[in-house]
Amino acid sequence: MTALRIDVADLLAHPGARRAVTVTEAVDGLSGSAARVTGPVSLELTLERVSDGIVARGTVSTDWQAECSVCLCDLERTLHAHVDELFEPEPVEGETYPIQGHELDLEQLVRDAVLLDLPLAPHCEDPCEPAPTALADDEDGPTDPRWAVLSELELSE
């Protein structure tokens, strides 16, 4: 059993009951279009039994890495995402999460929260200068290696 599967039989038996849960677990495959998760995911949740099921409220935290979309410098940051989600025996597709028997599987909640909070175009906190490109004619400095292949093109008029 993974640490992201939580037994909630005690909560299901007592309406209004609540319990604090703290979990740290590595989750594979967490990366967005420009940023990727580099460490384990930490959850600090309060699980509360409500009439419809169980509400999970709290914070999902993890570290991520990316390249600045402006200056191409490496970035490392920590993500803190607030979650407030309902788990129920008969979930509504795309709106709530399932209670499987007497367990909650928090992995999909973690994936949804982290992937929605990862930046699409990460950038430095302070304003930064764009990276040099090979297209600038008046530059004698090093060119961006991603543009190097363009210098081999011979254009005819």
Protein backbone atom coordinates (compact mmCIF):
# COMPACT_ATOMS: atom_id res chain seq x y z
CA MET A 1 0.00 0.00 0.00
CA THR A 2 1.39 3.40 -1.00
CA ALA A 3 1.49 6.28 1.47
CA LEU A 4 -0.99 8.17 -0.72
CA ARG A 5 -3.72 5.60 0.02
CA ILE A 6 -5.37 6.59 3.30
CA ASP A 7 -7.68 4.32 5.30
CA VAL A 8 -10.71 6.38 6.35
CA ALA A 9 -12.95 3.68 7.89
CA ASP A 10 -12.95 5.59 11.19
CA LEU A 11 -14.16 8.79 9.48
CA LEU A 12 -16.86 7.01 7.48
CA ALA A 13 -18.32 5.57 10.68
CA HIS A 14 -18.56 8.94 12.49
CA PRO A 15 -20.25 11.88 10.72
CA GLY A 16 -18.54 15.17 11.55
CA ALA A 17 -15.25 13.47 12.52
CA ARG A 18 -11.99 14.94 11.29
CA ARG A 19 -8.36 13.89 11.20
CA ALA A 20 -5.09 15.59 10.28
CA VAL A 21 -2.92 13.74 7.74
CA THR A 22 0.69 14.47 6.82
CA VAL A 23 2.25 12.45 3.99
CA THR A 24 5.48 12.77 1.99
CA GLU A 25 5.78 10.54 -1.05
CA ALA A 26 7.58 10.54 -4.41
CA VAL A 27 5.18 10.69 -7.36
CA ASP A 28 6.54 9.71 -10.78
CA GLY A 29 5.82 11.63 -13.96
CA LEU A 30 4.97 15.05 -12.57
CA SER A 31 6.05 17.53 -15.22
CA GLY A 32 4.35 20.26 -17.16
CA SER A 33 5.24 21.76 -20.51
CA ALA A 34 8.14 23.79 -19.09
CA ALA A 35 8.68 22.71 -15.46
CA ARG A 36 9.21 19.38 -13.73
CA VAL A 37 8.89 18.21 -10.14
CA THR A 38 12.24 17.21 -8.67
CA GLY A 39 11.45 15.92 -5.22
CA PRO A 40 8.83 14.18 -3.15
CA VAL A 41 5.39 15.70 -2.70
CA SER A 42 4.30 16.68 0.82
CA LEU A 43 0.65 16.84 1.84
CA GLU A 44 -0.68 18.49 4.97
CA LEU A 45 -4.41 17.80 4.98
CA THR A 46 -7.39 17.79 7.25
CA LEU A 47 -9.88 15.07 6.34
CA GLU A 48 -13.43 15.79 7.47
CA ARG A 49 -16.50 13.56 7.23
CA VAL A 50 -19.43 15.41 5.66
CA SER A 51 -22.84 14.13 4.56
CA ASP A 52 -21.71 13.56 0.94
CA GLY A 53 -18.37 11.93 1.73
CA ILE A 54 -15.00 13.24 2.94
CA VAL A 55 -13.53 16.68 2.32
CA ALA A 56 -9.74 16.99 2.05
CA ARG A 57 -8.47 20.51 2.83
CA GLY A 58 -4.88 21.62 3.05
CA THR A 59 -1.65 22.14 1.16
CA VAL A 60 0.32 20.16 -1.40
CA SER A 61 4.00 21.18 -1.59
CA THR A 62 6.91 20.13 -3.77
CA ASP A 63 10.08 21.46 -5.44
CA TRP A 64 10.27 22.07 -9.17
CA GLN A 65 12.91 23.00 -11.74
CA ALA A 66 12.68 24.77 -15.06
CA GLU A 67 14.51 27.10 -17.41
CA CYS A 68 13.59 30.80 -17.40
CA SER A 69 11.55 31.50 -20.51
CA VAL A 70 13.31 34.87 -20.92
CA CYS A 71 17.01 34.45 -20.07
CA LEU A 72 17.26 30.62 -20.15
CA CYS A 73 18.82 30.45 -16.65
CA ASP A 74 18.01 27.44 -14.49
CA LEU A 75 15.27 27.98 -11.90
CA GLU A 76 14.46 26.03 -8.75
CA ARG A 77 11.38 26.89 -6.73
CA THR A 78 8.92 25.41 -4.27
CA LEU A 79 5.26 25.05 -5.14
CA HIS A 80 2.53 25.34 -2.48
CA ALA A 81 -0.95 24.52 -3.79
CA HIS A 82 -4.10 24.80 -1.67
CA VAL A 83 -6.59 21.95 -2.08
CA ASP A 84 -10.20 21.74 -0.98
CA GLU A 85 -11.71 18.64 -2.59
CA LEU A 86 -14.57 16.24 -2.01
CA PHE A 87 -14.20 12.45 -2.06
CA GLU A 88 -17.47 10.53 -2.39
CA PRO A 89 -18.64 6.95 -3.03
CA GLU A 90 -20.21 7.90 -6.39
CA PRO A 91 -17.96 10.68 -7.75
CA VAL A 92 -19.01 13.15 -10.43
CA GLU A 93 -16.55 12.84 -13.35
CA GLY A 94 -14.12 15.76 -13.31
CA GLU A 95 -15.58 17.33 -10.16
CA THR A 96 -15.06 14.97 -7.21
CA TYR A 97 -12.78 12.07 -6.33
CA PRO A 98 -13.79 8.48 -5.46
CA ILE A 99 -13.85 6.78 -2.09
CA GLN A 100 -12.71 3.23 -2.87
CA GLY A 101 -14.19 0.98 -0.21
CA HIS A 102 -12.86 2.63 2.93
CA GLU A 103 -9.78 4.23 1.35
CA LEU A 104 -8.90 7.52 -0.32
CA ASP A 105 -6.29 7.45 -3.08
CA LEU A 106 -4.71 10.91 -2.95
CA GLU A 107 -2.47 10.43 -6.00
CA GLN A 108 -4.90 11.92 -8.53
CA LEU A 109 -5.55 14.85 -6.20
CA VAL A 110 -1.77 15.44 -5.99
CA ARG A 111 -1.36 15.21 -9.78
CA ASP A 112 -4.22 17.62 -10.43
CA ALA A 113 -3.06 20.18 -7.85
CA VAL A 114 0.63 20.13 -8.85
CA LEU A 115 0.18 20.08 -12.62
CA LEU A 116 -2.32 22.93 -12.52
CA ASP A 117 0.06 25.06 -10.41
CA LEU A 118 3.29 24.44 -12.35
CA PRO A 119 4.12 27.53 -14.44
CA LEU A 120 3.57 27.38 -18.20
CA ALA A 121 6.29 29.96 -18.89
CA PRO A 122 8.57 30.10 -15.82
CA HIS A 123 10.65 33.23 -15.35
CA CYS A 124 13.08 34.83 -12.92
CA GLU A 125 11.63 36.78 -10.01
CA ASP A 126 13.71 39.84 -10.91
CA PRO A 127 13.49 41.26 -14.43
CA CYS A 128 16.11 39.57 -16.59
CA GLU A 129 17.63 40.16 -20.01
CA PRO A 130 16.72 37.89 -22.92
CA ALA A 131 19.30 35.27 -23.85
CA PRO A 132 21.55 36.16 -26.80
CA THR A 133 20.50 34.68 -30.13
CA ALA A 134 22.34 33.80 -33.32
CA LEU A 135 20.07 36.10 -35.30
CA ALA A 136 21.67 39.31 -34.08
CA ASP A 137 24.00 40.53 -36.88
CA ASP A 138 26.05 42.96 -34.81
CA GLU A 139 27.03 40.48 -32.08
CA ASP A 140 30.45 38.84 -31.97
CA GLY A 141 29.82 36.94 -28.74
CA PRO A 142 28.82 33.31 -28.38
CA THR A 143 25.58 32.28 -30.05
CA ASP A 144 22.82 30.20 -28.60
CA PRO A 145 23.62 26.58 -29.63
CA ARG A 146 19.98 25.99 -30.51
CA TRP A 147 20.35 28.47 -33.41
CA ALA A 148 23.73 27.15 -34.62
CA VAL A 149 22.25 25.00 -37.36
CA LEU A 150 20.76 28.11 -38.98
CA SER A 151 24.25 29.49 -39.64
CA GLU A 152 24.85 26.54 -41.99
CA LEU A 153 21.97 27.54 -44.28
CA GLU A 154 22.84 29.08 -47.59
CA LEU A 155 20.07 31.26 -48.89
CA SER A 156 19.85 32.10 -52.57
CA GLU A 157 18.03 35.12 -53.89
